[in-house]
Protein backbone atom coordinates (compact mmCIF):
# COMPACT_ATOMS: atom_id res chain seq x y z
CA UNK A 1 -0.04 0.03 0.00
CA UNK A 2 1.60 3.33 -1.02
CA UNK A 3 0.19 5.16 1.85
CA UNK A 4 1.39 2.89 4.33
CA UNK A 5 5.34 3.76 4.01
CA UNK A 6 5.02 7.07 6.25
CA UNK A 7 3.14 5.06 9.30
CA UNK A 8 5.02 1.71 8.79
CA UNK A 9 6.96 2.55 12.36
CA UNK A 10 4.27 4.50 14.24
CA UNK A 11 3.08 2.97 17.78
CA UNK A 12 0.72 4.73 19.91
CA UNK A 13 -0.50 3.82 23.46
CA UNK A 14 -4.11 3.13 24.15
CA UNK A 15 -6.83 1.61 26.23
CA UNK A 16 -8.14 -1.56 25.06
CA UNK A 17 -11.31 -3.45 26.46
CA UNK A 18 -12.55 -6.83 25.09
CA UNK A 19 -16.03 -6.39 26.49
CA UNK A 20 -18.17 -3.66 28.44
CA UNK A 21 -17.99 -5.75 31.75
CA UNK A 22 -14.13 -5.92 31.57
CA UNK A 23 -11.68 -3.51 32.93
CA UNK A 24 -9.79 -1.56 30.25
CA UNK A 25 -6.20 -2.41 29.50
CA UNK A 26 -3.32 -0.24 28.47
CA UNK A 27 -1.96 -1.72 25.13
CA UNK A 28 0.78 -0.47 22.52
CA UNK A 29 -1.19 0.00 18.94
CA UNK A 30 0.67 -0.31 15.59
CA UNK A 31 -0.17 -0.27 12.06
CA UNK A 32 0.52 -3.58 9.93
CA UNK A 33 -0.43 -4.00 5.83
CA UNK A 34 -3.96 -3.79 6.16
CA UNK A 35 -4.48 -4.23 9.84
CA UNK A 36 -4.39 -2.51 13.15
CA UNK A 37 -2.21 -4.84 15.83
CA UNK A 38 -3.12 -4.51 19.75
CA UNK A 39 -0.29 -5.71 21.63
CA UNK A 40 0.98 -5.73 25.30
CA UNK A 41 4.01 -4.07 26.43
CA UNK A 42 5.96 -7.67 26.06
CA UNK A 43 5.24 -6.96 22.47
CA UNK A 44 2.85 -9.97 22.67
CA UNK A 45 0.00 -9.60 19.77
CA UNK A 46 -3.51 -9.65 21.78
CA UNK A 47 -5.84 -8.96 18.51
CA UNK A 48 -5.89 -7.93 15.32
CA UNK A 49 -8.25 -5.34 13.79
CA UNK A 50 -8.67 -5.15 9.92
CA UNK A 51 -8.52 -1.38 8.94
CA UNK A 52 -11.24 -1.65 6.37
CA UNK A 53 -13.55 -2.72 9.22
CA UNK A 54 -12.66 -0.54 11.79
CA UNK A 55 -15.16 1.95 13.06
CA UNK A 56 -14.86 5.19 15.17
CA UNK A 57 -17.86 5.53 17.54
CA UNK A 58 -17.06 9.33 18.12
CA UNK A 59 -15.84 11.16 15.13
CA UNK A 60 -14.18 14.35 15.99
CA UNK A 61 -14.39 13.92 19.87
CA UNK A 62 -11.40 12.73 22.21
CA UNK A 63 -10.56 10.19 23.55
CA UNK A 64 -11.18 8.47 20.15
CA UNK A 65 -12.92 5.39 20.45
CA UNK A 66 -12.53 2.60 17.79
CA UNK A 67 -14.11 -1.12 17.47
CA UNK A 68 -14.27 -3.61 14.73
CA UNK A 69 -17.32 -3.46 12.72
CA UNK A 70 -20.09 -5.35 13.82
CA UNK A 71 -18.47 -5.58 17.43
CA UNK A 72 -19.02 -2.48 19.21
CA UNK A 73 -18.46 -3.92 22.43
CA UNK A 74 -15.03 -4.32 22.06
CA UNK A 75 -13.03 -0.99 21.92
CA UNK A 76 -9.71 1.04 21.69
CA UNK A 77 -9.37 4.36 23.08
CA UNK A 78 -6.70 6.67 21.95
CA UNK A 79 -6.04 9.92 23.62
CA UNK A 80 -6.13 13.24 21.56
CA UNK A 81 -2.20 13.11 22.45
CA UNK A 82 -2.00 10.39 19.81
CA UNK A 83 -3.28 12.47 17.04
CA UNK A 84 -0.45 10.81 14.64
CA UNK A 85 -1.95 7.49 14.92
CA UNK A 86 -5.30 8.53 14.82
CA UNK A 87 -4.80 10.43 11.48
CA UNK A 88 -2.85 7.38 10.46
CA UNK A 89 -5.62 5.23 10.54
CA UNK A 90 -8.11 7.51 8.99
CA UNK A 91 -5.77 8.20 6.05
CA UNK A 92 -5.24 4.52 5.65
CA UNK A 93 -9.06 3.74 5.59
CA UNK A 94 -9.61 6.11 2.94
CA UNK A 95 -6.91 4.74 1.08
CA UNK A 96 -8.54 1.30 1.14
CA UNK A 97 -12.01 2.65 0.58
CA UNK A 98 -10.43 4.26 -2.60
CA UNK A 99 -8.93 1.24 -3.88
CA UNK A 100 -11.94 -0.75 -3.03
CA UNK A 101 -14.57 -1.79 -5.92
CA UNK A 102 -17.39 0.72 -6.03
CA UNK A 103 -20.56 -1.96 -7.28
CA UNK A 104 -22.97 1.18 -6.71
CA UNK A 105 -20.93 3.50 -8.79
CA UNK A 106 -20.53 1.02 -11.64
CA UNK A 107 -24.21 0.33 -11.49
CA UNK A 108 -24.93 3.89 -11.87
CA UNK A 109 -22.52 4.31 -14.53
CA UNK A 110 -23.98 1.01 -16.19
CA UNK A 111 -27.55 2.26 -16.26
CA UNK A 112 -26.77 5.58 -17.26
CA UNK A 113 -24.80 4.25 -20.44
CA UNK A 114 -27.68 2.21 -20.99
CA UNK A 115 -30.26 4.93 -20.88
CA UNK A 116 -27.87 7.04 -23.12
CA UNK A 117 -27.55 4.34 -25.68
CA UNK A 118 -31.48 4.41 -25.45
CA UNK A 119 -31.88 7.72 -25.86
CA UNK A 120 -29.66 7.85 -28.88
CA UNK A 121 -31.74 4.95 -30.28
CA UNK A 122 -34.88 6.88 -30.01
CA UNK A 123 -33.34 10.24 -31.56
CA UNK A 124 -31.06 9.15 -34.20
CA UNK A 125 -32.22 5.55 -35.23
CA UNK A 126 -35.35 5.26 -34.56
CA UNK A 127 -37.21 7.81 -37.10
CA UNK A 128 -35.50 6.62 -39.74
CA UNK A 129 -35.84 2.86 -38.92
CA UNK A 130 -39.76 3.60 -38.78
CA UNK A 131 -39.82 5.75 -41.99
CA UNK A 132 -37.84 2.89 -43.34
CA UNK A 133 -40.14 0.06 -42.66
CA UNK A 134 -43.30 1.98 -43.17
CA UNK A 135 -42.17 2.70 -46.49
CA UNK A 136 -41.33 -0.71 -47.57
CA UNK A 137 -44.88 -2.04 -46.34
CA UNK A 138 -47.12 0.11 -47.30
CA UNK A 139 -48.95 -1.44 -50.59
CA UNK A 140 -49.66 -0.03 -53.86
CA UNK A 141 -53.29 0.40 -53.47
CA UNK A 142 -52.38 2.64 -50.55
CA UNK A 143 -49.62 4.54 -52.25
CA UNK A 144 -52.06 5.34 -55.16
CA UNK A 145 -54.45 6.70 -52.53
CA UNK A 146 -51.83 8.81 -50.98
CA UNK A 147 -50.69 10.10 -53.97
CA UNK A 148 -54.30 11.32 -55.23
CA UNK A 149 -54.87 12.99 -51.90
CA UNK A 150 -51.52 14.98 -52.44
CA UNK A 151 -52.87 16.04 -56.01
CA UNK A 152 -55.90 16.95 -54.84
CA UNK A 153 -54.18 19.52 -52.61
CA UNK A 154 -51.68 20.65 -55.61
CA UNK A 155 -54.88 21.29 -57.77
CA UNK A 156 -55.70 24.27 -55.08
CA UNK A 157 -52.64 25.92 -56.14
CA UNK A 158 -51.88 24.59 -59.82
CA UNK A 159 -55.38 24.24 -61.34
CA UNK A 160 -57.06 21.07 -61.92
CA UNK A 161 -55.84 18.29 -64.11
CA UNK A 162 -56.42 18.65 -67.64
CA UNK A 163 -58.60 15.89 -69.18
CA UNK A 164 -60.20 15.85 -72.43
CA UNK A 165 -61.83 13.00 -74.20
CA UNK A 166 -59.85 13.12 -77.41
CA UNK A 167 -56.37 13.26 -75.53
CA UNK A 168 -56.48 11.02 -72.70
CA UNK A 169 -55.39 8.02 -74.81
CA UNK A 170 -52.73 9.95 -76.21
CA UNK A 171 -51.99 10.82 -72.54
CA UNK A 172 -51.84 7.25 -71.59
CA UNK A 173 -49.73 6.26 -74.34
CA UNK A 174 -47.42 8.91 -73.30
CA UNK A 175 -47.20 7.29 -69.98
CA UNK A 176 -46.64 3.83 -71.28
CA UNK A 177 -43.86 4.81 -73.48
CA UNK A 178 -41.91 6.58 -70.55
CA UNK A 179 -42.98 3.63 -68.03
CA UNK A 180 -44.97 5.91 -65.69
CA UNK A 181 -48.09 4.47 -63.77
CA UNK A 182 -49.91 7.70 -64.09
CA UNK A 183 -49.30 11.08 -65.76
CA UNK A 184 -51.65 14.23 -65.01
CA UNK A 185 -50.91 17.43 -67.18
CA UNK A 186 -51.42 20.82 -64.83
CA UNK A 187 -52.21 23.92 -66.20
CA UNK A 188 -49.81 25.97 -63.97
CA UNK A 189 -48.15 25.80 -60.44
CA UNK A 190 -45.29 23.63 -61.26
CA UNK A 191 -42.02 24.85 -63.53
CA UNK A 192 -42.00 21.68 -65.20
CA UNK A 193 -42.40 17.94 -63.61
CA UNK A 194 -42.69 16.57 -60.19
CA UNK A 195 -43.15 13.03 -58.67
CA UNK A 196 -46.23 11.79 -55.96
CA UNK A 197 -46.62 8.70 -54.35
CA UNK A 198 -48.17 5.68 -56.21
CA UNK A 199 -46.20 6.47 -59.37
CA UNK A 200 -47.78 9.64 -60.47
CA UNK A 201 -45.95 12.13 -62.20
CA UNK A 202 -47.43 15.69 -62.94
CA UNK A 203 -46.37 17.59 -65.97
CA UNK A 204 -46.88 21.29 -66.79
CA UNK A 205 -48.99 21.86 -69.73
CA UNK A 206 -46.24 23.95 -71.27
CA UNK A 207 -43.79 21.16 -71.86
CA UNK A 208 -46.37 19.78 -74.30
CA UNK A 209 -48.15 22.96 -75.66
CA UNK A 210 -44.85 24.54 -76.59
CA UNK A 211 -42.82 22.02 -78.09
CA UNK A 212 -43.20 20.13 -81.52
CA UNK A 213 -41.13 17.41 -80.60
CA UNK A 214 -42.77 14.94 -77.88
CA UNK A 215 -39.17 13.74 -77.15
CA UNK A 216 -38.77 16.98 -74.99
CA UNK A 217 -41.90 15.98 -72.82
CA UNK A 218 -40.99 12.37 -72.60
CA UNK A 219 -37.08 13.58 -71.68
CA UNK A 220 -38.50 15.56 -68.64
CA UNK A 221 -40.85 12.69 -67.73
CA UNK A 222 -38.17 10.20 -67.90
CA UNK A 223 -35.97 12.49 -65.54
CA UNK A 224 -38.64 12.72 -62.94
CA UNK A 225 -39.12 9.37 -62.80
CA UNK A 226 -35.62 8.34 -62.15
CA UNK A 227 -35.84 10.86 -59.17
CA UNK A 228 -38.59 9.05 -58.07
CA UNK A 229 -36.33 6.16 -58.38
CA UNK A 230 -33.62 7.52 -56.30
CA UNK A 231 -35.69 8.68 -53.70
CA UNK A 232 -39.24 7.11 -52.75
CA UNK A 233 -41.83 10.16 -53.04
CA UNK A 234 -43.47 8.05 -50.14
CA UNK A 235 -40.18 8.31 -47.81
CA UNK A 236 -39.91 12.04 -49.10
CA UNK A 237 -43.74 12.49 -47.72
CA UNK A 238 -42.87 10.83 -44.19
CA UNK A 239 -39.53 12.62 -43.95
CA UNK A 240 -41.37 15.71 -44.26
CA UNK A 241 -44.20 14.56 -42.05
CA UNK A 242 -42.30 13.56 -39.22
CA UNK A 243 -41.76 9.90 -37.48
CA UNK A 244 -45.38 10.68 -35.59
CA UNK A 245 -46.91 10.54 -39.19
CA UNK A 246 -45.19 7.49 -39.88
CA UNK A 247 -46.66 5.90 -36.86
CA UNK A 248 -50.15 6.78 -37.73
CA UNK A 249 -49.79 5.58 -41.18
CA UNK A 250 -48.30 2.26 -39.78
CA UNK A 251 -50.99 1.71 -37.02
CA UNK A 252 -54.02 3.31 -38.68
CA UNK A 253 -53.38 3.42 -42.44
CA UNK A 254 -54.08 7.02 -42.60
CA UNK A 255 -52.22 10.50 -42.78
CA UNK A 256 -53.56 13.80 -41.06
CA UNK A 257 -54.72 16.57 -43.61
CA UNK A 258 -51.71 18.82 -41.82
CA UNK A 259 -49.23 16.16 -43.22
CA UNK A 260 -50.68 16.15 -46.83
CA UNK A 261 -51.09 19.92 -46.83
CA UNK A 262 -47.36 20.23 -45.65
CA UNK A 263 -45.77 17.84 -48.32
CA UNK A 264 -47.78 19.44 -51.12
CA UNK A 265 -46.68 22.87 -50.21
CA UNK A 266 -42.77 21.26 -49.92
CA UNK A 267 -43.22 19.78 -53.44
CA UNK A 268 -44.52 22.93 -54.78
CA UNK A 269 -41.82 25.03 -53.43
CA UNK A 270 -39.02 23.15 -53.37
CA UNK A 271 -36.53 23.15 -56.60
CA UNK A 272 -35.93 19.77 -58.32
CA UNK A 273 -33.03 17.41 -57.63
CA UNK A 274 -30.52 17.54 -60.03
CA UNK A 275 -29.54 14.10 -61.51
CA UNK A 276 -25.70 13.19 -62.78
CA UNK A 277 -25.44 13.10 -66.68
CA UNK A 278 -24.78 9.39 -66.20
CA UNK A 279 -27.87 8.45 -64.62
CA UNK A 280 -30.18 10.42 -67.31
CA UNK A 281 -28.23 9.20 -70.27
CA UNK A 282 -28.62 5.65 -69.08
CA UNK A 283 -32.46 6.41 -68.60
CA UNK A 284 -32.77 7.89 -71.89
CA UNK A 285 -30.83 4.95 -73.46
CA UNK A 286 -33.08 2.41 -71.61
CA UNK A 287 -36.11 4.22 -72.92
CA UNK A 288 -34.90 4.63 -76.25
CA UNK A 289 -35.47 8.14 -76.10
CA UNK A 290 -32.88 11.09 -77.67
CA UNK A 291 -31.63 13.04 -74.90
CA UNK A 292 -30.80 16.23 -77.14
CA UNK A 293 -34.34 17.32 -77.44
CA UNK A 294 -34.85 17.58 -73.84
CA UNK A 295 -31.23 19.25 -73.32
CA UNK A 296 -31.85 22.20 -75.71
CA UNK A 297 -35.32 22.61 -74.01
CA UNK A 298 -33.84 23.09 -70.72
CA UNK A 299 -31.01 25.50 -72.24
CA UNK A 300 -31.25 26.63 -75.92
CA UNK A 301 -27.57 27.22 -76.24
CA UNK A 302 -26.52 23.97 -75.19
CA UNK A 303 -23.72 25.01 -73.00
CA UNK A 304 -25.08 24.04 -69.63
CA UNK A 305 -25.88 20.51 -70.89
CA UNK A 306 -23.14 19.85 -73.50
CA UNK A 307 -22.97 16.24 -71.80
CA UNK A 308 -26.56 15.40 -72.67
CA UNK A 309 -26.16 16.53 -76.20
CA UNK A 310 -22.68 15.18 -77.24
CA UNK A 311 -23.24 11.65 -75.34
CA UNK A 312 -27.01 11.40 -76.67
CA UNK A 313 -27.51 7.46 -76.38
CA UNK A 314 -30.06 7.64 -79.76
CA UNK A 315 -27.56 9.78 -81.86
CA UNK A 316 -27.46 8.55 -85.18
CA UNK A 317 -30.04 5.87 -85.05
CA UNK A 318 -33.42 5.69 -86.84
CA UNK A 319 -35.96 5.80 -84.10
CA UNK A 320 -39.65 5.32 -83.51
CA UNK A 321 -41.28 8.81 -82.60
CA UNK A 322 -42.11 9.08 -79.15
CA UNK A 323 -45.86 9.34 -80.08
CA UNK A 324 -47.76 9.64 -83.64
CA UNK A 325 -48.25 13.02 -84.97
CA UNK A 326 -52.06 12.49 -84.55
CA UNK A 327 -51.71 11.54 -80.87
CA UNK A 328 -49.15 14.32 -80.25
CA UNK A 329 -51.60 17.14 -81.70
CA UNK A 330 -54.71 15.62 -79.73
CA UNK A 331 -52.48 15.80 -76.30
CA UNK A 332 -51.36 19.07 -76.85
CA UNK A 333 -54.99 20.25 -76.77
CA UNK A 334 -55.64 18.38 -73.48
CA UNK A 335 -55.81 21.49 -71.68
CA UNK A 336 -57.93 23.33 -74.29
CA UNK A 337 -57.37 26.59 -76.09
């Protein structure tokens, strides 16, 4: 024990009594490795007390009275003149206590660590995990229902989706040509396109009315479809609405009006995410739609979209038109003149 070296030769005299009915006896007290030794004046040890199990009956008072833990009847009295021995006993007891394991402290630290870990899971992991789980289990029918509900809210700001008996067949043909579940044409409210849950892609009517080549509209639709594949629109909605909305959808199958309204406002006001050229070129190649018409519609100079023009996967090939001319003309009139 490092604290013992300065006390290894300390001795003191005291009064020891083994039992209250017996007379006190003058003894010599010395400190050992971890014990207090009580001896007679012939240097014969009478008893040994463990320093770790030694208690003082009257802290701060004199004479200092000590007894073994659990046996208050056996006592040792040290007069106030033996302050060196008294201080040595107290310091060594403190050193032993510090070296002793503290299961309560370890238990407290363990409990605190568990609570912190659980709190971190609840704050950082659970919301994302809940969102991912809900996104994976919502059926297509429910996704389509949610998409229609969001579209209804967007129509309040963008205008009612265009519909025409003559043009609806052409619109469905364009949806099939671009691999979209449902395509809607809005009279305004959006810059070009946006995607909604349930495989719905909305397109501004100007992309149809202002261009003679249907490959322009098809290009915008293909890029928006790629955005939806990169980020599930239902996941976007749940991220916007928060974990409580995800829990509500999981348990009740419904979303609140506020959640739908907030998401509709978000998709109308947020800029569309840019996709890398290689992703867009791959999409155009798979659909056999040229990328150059789309690129020039975005930038008539071609400077900012040069990669889509020079690497057009359909360049130099003989292609079937995206839509027959007659179908395209009917579609251009879907919103009426």
